[in-house]
C-alpha atoms as a PDB file:
ATOM      1  CA  UNK A   1      -7.876  -2.933  40.968  1.00  0.00           C
ATOM      2  CA  UNK A   2      -9.351  -3.107  37.407  1.00  0.00           C
ATOM      3  CA  UNK A   3      -7.857  -0.716  34.907  1.00  0.00           C
ATOM      4  CA  UNK A   4     -10.234   1.846  33.454  1.00  0.00           C
ATOM      5  CA  UNK A   5     -10.837   1.681  29.719  1.00  0.00           C
ATOM      6  CA  UNK A   6      -9.794   4.659  27.651  1.00  0.00           C
ATOM      7  CA  UNK A   7     -12.310   5.631  24.991  1.00  0.00           C
ATOM      8  CA  UNK A   8     -11.059   7.390  21.896  1.00  0.00           C
ATOM      9  CA  UNK A   9     -13.031  10.194  20.329  1.00  0.00           C
ATOM     10  CA  UNK A  10     -14.601   9.521  16.959  1.00  0.00           C
ATOM     11  CA  UNK A  11     -12.571  10.858  14.043  1.00  0.00           C
ATOM     12  CA  UNK A  12     -14.146  13.479  11.841  1.00  0.00           C
ATOM     13  CA  UNK A  13     -15.737  12.049   8.696  1.00  0.00           C
ATOM     14  CA  UNK A  14     -14.787  13.229   5.246  1.00  0.00           C
ATOM     15  CA  UNK A  15     -16.098  12.477   1.784  1.00  0.00           C
ATOM     16  CA  UNK A  16     -13.939  11.373  -1.121  1.00  0.00           C
ATOM     17  CA  UNK A  17     -12.058  14.288  -2.646  1.00  0.00           C
ATOM     18  CA  UNK A  18      -9.968  15.025  -5.741  1.00  0.00           C
ATOM     19  CA  UNK A  19      -7.286  12.583  -4.550  1.00  0.00           C
ATOM     20  CA  UNK A  20      -9.579   9.792  -5.780  1.00  0.00           C
ATOM     21  CA  UNK A  21      -8.579  10.458  -9.389  1.00  0.00           C
ATOM     22  CA  UNK A  22      -4.916  11.059  -8.600  1.00  0.00           C
ATOM     23  CA  UNK A  23      -4.624   7.870  -6.584  1.00  0.00           C
ATOM     24  CA  UNK A  24      -6.967   5.549  -8.481  1.00  0.00           C
ATOM     25  CA  UNK A  25      -7.014   6.904 -12.039  1.00  0.00           C
ATOM     26  CA  UNK A  26      -3.945   9.145 -12.305  1.00  0.00           C
ATOM     27  CA  UNK A  27      -3.818   9.103 -16.114  1.00  0.00           C
ATOM     28  CA  UNK A  28      -7.218  10.776 -16.341  1.00  0.00           C
ATOM     29  CA  UNK A  29      -6.035  13.405 -13.849  1.00  0.00           C
ATOM     30  CA  UNK A  30      -2.976  14.228 -15.971  1.00  0.00           C
ATOM     31  CA  UNK A  31      -0.372  12.162 -14.117  1.00  0.00           C
ATOM     32  CA  UNK A  32       1.642   9.711 -16.245  1.00  0.00           C
ATOM     33  CA  UNK A  33       2.519   7.232 -13.491  1.00  0.00           C
ATOM     34  CA  UNK A  34       1.671   3.771 -14.807  1.00  0.00           C
ATOM     35  CA  UNK A  35       2.616   2.135 -18.079  1.00  0.00           C
ATOM     36  CA  UNK A  36      -1.002   0.961 -18.197  1.00  0.00           C
ATOM     37  CA  UNK A  37      -3.771   2.544 -16.170  1.00  0.00           C
ATOM     38  CA  UNK A  38      -4.945   0.175 -13.449  1.00  0.00           C
ATOM     39  CA  UNK A  39      -8.399  -1.189 -14.114  1.00  0.00           C
ATOM     40  CA  UNK A  40      -8.600   0.218 -17.636  1.00  0.00           C
ATOM     41  CA  UNK A  41      -8.913  -3.139 -19.435  1.00  0.00           C
ATOM     42  CA  UNK A  42     -11.866  -5.177 -18.149  1.00  0.00           C
ATOM     43  CA  UNK A  43     -11.923  -8.166 -20.469  1.00  0.00           C
ATOM     44  CA  UNK A  44      -8.597  -8.442 -22.277  1.00  0.00           C
ATOM     45  CA  UNK A  45      -8.148  -9.226 -25.984  1.00  0.00           C
ATOM     46  CA  UNK A  46      -9.144 -12.901 -25.784  1.00  0.00           C
ATOM     47  CA  UNK A  47     -12.592 -12.574 -24.258  1.00  0.00           C
ATOM     48  CA  UNK A  48     -15.368 -14.348 -26.118  1.00  0.00           C
ATOM     49  CA  UNK A  49     -18.911 -13.107 -26.474  1.00  0.00           C
ATOM     50  CA  UNK A  50     -20.704  -9.992 -27.676  1.00  0.00           C
ATOM     51  CA  UNK A  51     -18.768  -6.751 -27.461  1.00  0.00           C
ATOM     52  CA  UNK A  52     -20.832  -3.932 -25.964  1.00  0.00           C
ATOM     53  CA  UNK A  53     -20.559  -0.351 -24.771  1.00  0.00           C
ATOM     54  CA  UNK A  54     -21.944   0.885 -21.449  1.00  0.00           C
ATOM     55  CA  UNK A  55     -22.465   4.591 -20.779  1.00  0.00           C
ATOM     56  CA  UNK A  56     -24.247   6.883 -18.372  1.00  0.00           C
ATOM     57  CA  UNK A  57     -24.042   9.574 -15.725  1.00  0.00           C
ATOM     58  CA  UNK A  58     -24.260   9.734 -11.946  1.00  0.00           C
ATOM     59  CA  UNK A  59     -26.913  12.327 -11.049  1.00  0.00           C
ATOM     60  CA  UNK A  60     -27.304  14.116  -7.711  1.00  0.00           C
ATOM     61  CA  UNK A  61     -30.508  14.960  -5.866  1.00  0.00           C
ATOM     62  CA  UNK A  62     -30.863  18.255  -7.739  1.00  0.00           C
ATOM     63  CA  UNK A  63     -30.739  16.551 -11.122  1.00  0.00           C
ATOM     64  CA  UNK A  64     -27.204  17.659 -11.986  1.00  0.00           C
ATOM     65  CA  UNK A  65     -24.520  15.232 -13.197  1.00  0.00           C
ATOM     66  CA  UNK A  66     -21.614  14.608 -10.846  1.00  0.00           C
ATOM     67  CA  UNK A  67     -18.441  15.424 -12.752  1.00  0.00           C
ATOM     68  CA  UNK A  68     -15.796  13.875 -10.503  1.00  0.00           C
ATOM     69  CA  UNK A  69     -17.215  10.409  -9.873  1.00  0.00           C
ATOM     70  CA  UNK A  70     -15.217   7.177 -10.003  1.00  0.00           C
ATOM     71  CA  UNK A  71     -16.861   3.835 -10.722  1.00  0.00           C
ATOM     72  CA  UNK A  72     -15.452   0.353 -10.367  1.00  0.00           C
ATOM     73  CA  UNK A  73     -17.137  -2.484 -12.220  1.00  0.00           C
ATOM     74  CA  UNK A  74     -17.014  -6.257 -11.694  1.00  0.00           C
ATOM     75  CA  UNK A  75     -18.468  -8.765 -14.098  1.00  0.00           C
ATOM     76  CA  UNK A  76     -18.477 -12.369 -15.253  1.00  0.00           C
ATOM     77  CA  UNK A  77     -17.397 -13.443 -18.728  1.00  0.00           C
ATOM     78  CA  UNK A  78     -19.819 -14.496 -21.463  1.00  0.00           C
ATOM     79  CA  UNK A  79     -20.109 -17.954 -19.902  1.00  0.00           C
ATOM     80  CA  UNK A  80     -20.964 -16.555 -16.471  1.00  0.00           C
ATOM     81  CA  UNK A  81     -17.568 -17.225 -14.861  1.00  0.00           C
ATOM     82  CA  UNK A  82     -15.700 -14.732 -12.688  1.00  0.00           C
ATOM     83  CA  UNK A  83     -11.911 -14.330 -12.679  1.00  0.00           C
ATOM     84  CA  UNK A  84     -11.611 -15.960  -9.274  1.00  0.00           C
ATOM     85  CA  UNK A  85     -10.727 -19.473  -8.051  1.00  0.00           C
ATOM     86  CA  UNK A  86     -14.340 -19.833  -6.924  1.00  0.00           C
ATOM     87  CA  UNK A  87     -15.762 -17.953  -9.901  1.00  0.00           C
ATOM     88  CA  UNK A  88     -17.675 -20.872 -11.389  1.00  0.00           C
ATOM     89  CA  UNK A  89     -15.242 -21.993 -14.057  1.00  0.00           C
ATOM     90  CA  UNK A  90     -12.314 -21.012 -16.305  1.00  0.00           C
ATOM     91  CA  UNK A  91     -11.983 -17.609 -17.932  1.00  0.00           C
ATOM     92  CA  UNK A  92     -10.040 -16.512 -20.990  1.00  0.00           C
ATOM     93  CA  UNK A  93      -6.370 -15.588 -20.717  1.00  0.00           C
ATOM     94  CA  UNK A  94      -6.171 -11.910 -19.762  1.00  0.00           C
ATOM     95  CA  UNK A  95      -9.792 -11.662 -18.598  1.00  0.00           C
ATOM     96  CA  UNK A  96      -9.876  -9.702 -15.332  1.00  0.00           C
ATOM     97  CA  UNK A  97     -13.572  -8.970 -15.062  1.00  0.00           C
ATOM     98  CA  UNK A  98     -12.782  -5.779 -13.192  1.00  0.00           C
ATOM     99  CA  UNK A  99     -12.339  -2.238 -14.356  1.00  0.00           C
ATOM    100  CA  UNK A 100     -12.302   1.384 -13.310  1.00  0.00           C
ATOM    101  CA  UNK A 101     -13.777   4.412 -15.064  1.00  0.00           C
ATOM    102  CA  UNK A 102     -14.216   8.074 -14.178  1.00  0.00           C
ATOM    103  CA  UNK A 103     -16.649  10.646 -15.485  1.00  0.00           C
ATOM    104  CA  UNK A 104     -15.747  13.356 -17.950  1.00  0.00           C
ATOM    105  CA  UNK A 105     -14.805  16.451 -15.946  1.00  0.00           C
ATOM    106  CA  UNK A 106     -16.895  18.702 -18.204  1.00  0.00           C
ATOM    107  CA  UNK A 107     -20.051  16.673 -18.906  1.00  0.00           C
ATOM    108  CA  UNK A 108     -20.206  14.025 -16.182  1.00  0.00           C
ATOM    109  CA  UNK A 109     -20.561  11.300 -18.829  1.00  0.00           C
ATOM    110  CA  UNK A 110     -18.723   8.011 -18.357  1.00  0.00           C
ATOM    111  CA  UNK A 111     -18.410   5.005 -20.643  1.00  0.00           C
ATOM    112  CA  UNK A 112     -16.473   1.807 -21.227  1.00  0.00           C
ATOM    113  CA  UNK A 113     -16.415  -1.165 -23.578  1.00  0.00           C
ATOM    114  CA  UNK A 114     -16.585  -4.787 -22.459  1.00  0.00           C
ATOM    115  CA  UNK A 115     -18.310  -8.065 -23.314  1.00  0.00           C
ATOM    116  CA  UNK A 116     -21.843  -8.871 -22.261  1.00  0.00           C
ATOM    117  CA  UNK A 117     -21.715 -11.236 -19.255  1.00  0.00           C
ATOM    118  CA  UNK A 118     -23.618 -14.498 -19.078  1.00  0.00           C
ATOM    119  CA  UNK A 119     -25.925 -15.777 -16.351  1.00  0.00           C
ATOM    120  CA  UNK A 120     -24.169 -16.574 -13.082  1.00  0.00           C
ATOM    121  CA  UNK A 121     -24.677 -18.786 -10.071  1.00  0.00           C
ATOM    122  CA  UNK A 122     -25.093 -16.778  -6.865  1.00  0.00           C
ATOM    123  CA  UNK A 123     -24.380 -17.960  -3.356  1.00  0.00           C
ATOM    124  CA  UNK A 124     -27.589 -19.484  -2.020  1.00  0.00           C
ATOM    125  CA  UNK A 125     -29.727 -17.479  -4.442  1.00  0.00           C
ATOM    126  CA  UNK A 126     -29.767 -19.582  -7.619  1.00  0.00           C
ATOM    127  CA  UNK A 127     -29.198 -18.421 -11.188  1.00  0.00           C
ATOM    128  CA  UNK A 128     -28.805 -14.680 -11.699  1.00  0.00           C
ATOM    129  CA  UNK A 129     -29.544 -12.732 -14.867  1.00  0.00           C
ATOM    130  CA  UNK A 130     -26.603 -11.145 -16.724  1.00  0.00           C
ATOM    131  CA  UNK A 131     -25.511  -8.060 -14.811  1.00  0.00           C
ATOM    132  CA  UNK A 132     -22.655  -5.721 -13.932  1.00  0.00           C
ATOM    133  CA  UNK A 133     -21.706  -4.800 -10.362  1.00  0.00           C
ATOM    134  CA  UNK A 134     -20.812  -1.162  -9.644  1.00  0.00           C
ATOM    135  CA  UNK A 135     -19.055   0.577  -6.744  1.00  0.00           C
ATOM    136  CA  UNK A 136     -19.344   4.386  -6.805  1.00  0.00           C
ATOM    137  CA  UNK A 137     -17.338   7.065  -4.974  1.00  0.00           C
ATOM    138  CA  UNK A 138     -17.269  10.857  -5.326  1.00  0.00           C
ATOM    139  CA  UNK A 139     -17.218  14.025  -3.288  1.00  0.00           C
ATOM    140  CA  UNK A 140     -20.415  14.152  -1.260  1.00  0.00           C
ATOM    141  CA  UNK A 141     -20.537  10.368  -0.780  1.00  0.00           C
ATOM    142  CA  UNK A 142     -19.339   9.302   2.664  1.00  0.00           C
ATOM    143  CA  UNK A 143     -19.342   5.556   1.975  1.00  0.00           C
ATOM    144  CA  UNK A 144     -18.961   3.966  -1.453  1.00  0.00           C
ATOM    145  CA  UNK A 145     -22.284   2.918  -2.977  1.00  0.00           C
ATOM    146  CA  UNK A 146     -22.932  -0.532  -4.442  1.00  0.00           C
ATOM    147  CA  UNK A 147     -25.454  -1.201  -7.171  1.00  0.00           C
ATOM    148  CA  UNK A 148     -26.092  -3.416 -10.188  1.00  0.00           C
ATOM    149  CA  UNK A 149     -26.905  -2.912 -13.828  1.00  0.00           C
ATOM    150  CA  UNK A 150     -29.140  -5.385 -15.639  1.00  0.00           C
ATOM    151  CA  UNK A 151     -29.759  -5.506 -19.392  1.00  0.00           C
ATOM    152  CA  UNK A 152     -33.056  -4.327 -20.833  1.00  0.00           C
ATOM    153  CA  UNK A 153     -32.990  -6.979 -23.569  1.00  0.00           C
ATOM    154  CA  UNK A 154     -32.838  -9.824 -21.006  1.00  0.00           C
ATOM    155  CA  UNK A 155     -36.456  -9.496 -19.874  1.00  0.00           C
ATOM    156  CA  UNK A 156     -37.093 -13.202 -19.197  1.00  0.00           C
ATOM    157  CA  UNK A 157     -33.897 -13.634 -17.181  1.00  0.00           C
ATOM    158  CA  UNK A 158     -34.516 -10.366 -15.304  1.00  0.00           C
ATOM    159  CA  UNK A 159     -38.001 -11.452 -14.216  1.00  0.00           C
ATOM    160  CA  UNK A 160     -36.527 -14.623 -12.690  1.00  0.00           C
ATOM    161  CA  UNK A 161     -33.491 -12.953 -11.091  1.00  0.00           C
ATOM    162  CA  UNK A 162     -33.495 -13.619  -7.320  1.00  0.00           C
ATOM    163  CA  UNK A 163     -31.794 -10.329  -6.427  1.00  0.00           C
ATOM    164  CA  UNK A 164     -34.186  -8.170  -8.443  1.00  0.00           C
ATOM    165  CA  UNK A 165     -37.081 -10.056  -6.872  1.00  0.00           C
ATOM    166  CA  UNK A 166     -35.832  -9.106  -3.402  1.00  0.00           C
ATOM    167  CA  UNK A 167     -36.784  -5.490  -4.150  1.00  0.00           C
ATOM    168  CA  UNK A 168     -40.285  -5.238  -2.708  1.00  0.00           C
ATOM    169  CA  UNK A 169     -41.334  -2.104  -4.591  1.00  0.00           C
ATOM    170  CA  UNK A 170     -41.508  -3.554  -8.082  1.00  0.00           C
ATOM    171  CA  UNK A 171     -41.429  -0.156  -9.827  1.00  0.00           C
ATOM    172  CA  UNK A 172     -37.991   0.505  -8.322  1.00  0.00           C
ATOM    173  CA  UNK A 173     -36.512  -2.526 -10.070  1.00  0.00           C
ATOM    174  CA  UNK A 174     -36.566  -0.446 -13.241  1.00  0.00           C
ATOM    175  CA  UNK A 175     -33.807   1.780 -11.818  1.00  0.00           C
ATOM    176  CA  UNK A 176     -31.385  -1.134 -12.325  1.00  0.00           C
ATOM    177  CA  UNK A 177     -32.327  -1.857 -15.954  1.00  0.00           C
ATOM    178  CA  UNK A 178     -30.177  -0.343 -18.716  1.00  0.00           C
ATOM    179  CA  UNK A 179     -31.765   0.587 -22.041  1.00  0.00           C
ATOM    180  CA  UNK A 180     -30.226  -0.720 -25.252  1.00  0.00           C
ATOM    181  CA  UNK A 181     -29.504   1.228 -28.429  1.00  0.00           C
ATOM    182  CA  UNK A 182     -27.064   0.941 -31.336  1.00  0.00           C
ATOM    183  CA  UNK A 183     -24.109   3.292 -31.802  1.00  0.00           C
ATOM    184  CA  UNK A 184     -21.615   2.743 -34.580  1.00  0.00           C
ATOM    185  CA  UNK A 185     -22.734  -0.863 -34.941  1.00  0.00           C
ATOM    186  CA  UNK A 186     -22.015  -1.594 -31.277  1.00  0.00           C
ATOM    187  CA  UNK A 187     -24.818  -2.499 -28.841  1.00  0.00           C
ATOM    188  CA  UNK A 188     -24.868   0.334 -26.303  1.00  0.00           C
ATOM    189  CA  UNK A 189     -26.542   0.238 -22.892  1.00  0.00           C
ATOM    190  CA  UNK A 190     -27.518   3.460 -21.124  1.00  0.00           C
ATOM    191  CA  UNK A 191     -27.377   3.360 -17.310  1.00  0.00           C
ATOM    192  CA  UNK A 192     -27.899   6.619 -15.416  1.00  0.00           C
ATOM    193  CA  UNK A 193     -27.436   6.318 -11.656  1.00  0.00           C
ATOM    194  CA  UNK A 194     -29.661   8.595  -9.566  1.00  0.00           C
ATOM    195  CA  UNK A 195     -28.305   9.230  -6.052  1.00  0.00           C
ATOM    196  CA  UNK A 196     -31.447  10.785  -4.571  1.00  0.00           C
ATOM    197  CA  UNK A 197     -34.963  11.759  -5.504  1.00  0.00           C
ATOM    198  CA  UNK A 198     -38.071  10.137  -6.868  1.00  0.00           C
ATOM    199  CA  UNK A 199     -36.199   7.795  -9.224  1.00  0.00           C
ATOM    200  CA  UNK A 200     -33.325   7.004  -6.865  1.00  0.00           C
ATOM    201  CA  UNK A 201     -31.335   3.987  -7.995  1.00  0.00           C
ATOM    202  CA  UNK A 202     -31.515   0.920  -5.755  1.00  0.00           C
ATOM    203  CA  UNK A 203     -28.295   0.510  -3.766  1.00  0.00           C
ATOM    204  CA  UNK A 204     -27.207  -2.626  -1.910  1.00  0.00           C
ATOM    205  CA  UNK A 205     -25.718  -3.075   1.551  1.00  0.00           C
ATOM    206  CA  UNK A 206     -22.827  -5.432   0.815  1.00  0.00           C
END
């Protein structure tokens, strides 16, 4: 006689809570656990290329900045190579191409310094414009969100980028373009991420 299958009830869902900072960025939460905060150094001291600063906020549907958000960033080096055996080529000693940053608990602002990445070769999509990859978690977000940041001073490369061109509503491509300014002699790119609303940032299902 066939045995009946037992079906388990679905577990209750829960958004990311304060433990995100304690577990993933304990130094920022006041816990001196690691000699060096994991994910703090994206490029290492030997990275070639143009040093830049990236800054912004994550904004909710009401227009308010989220003050407990955590972002992870992946990027290629200045030659377009990732720190991976299949990353397209060699990278500098100490280059990780991955980092982690949290927002300021009072203002919601986040920022980090890195080097501007080069063009990369995507899987089955051709040459991609210089960009940063972001993964975003915070209270109120059930599943981490994935998006990209492109550089406003790379207009020619952006127009030819195969991923940007997959976005059918052309006006929404602008939500992935960071604006450049100069601060203290360092090129600075502003990238505000809008979770909901009229100017909602494009997110990717990856």
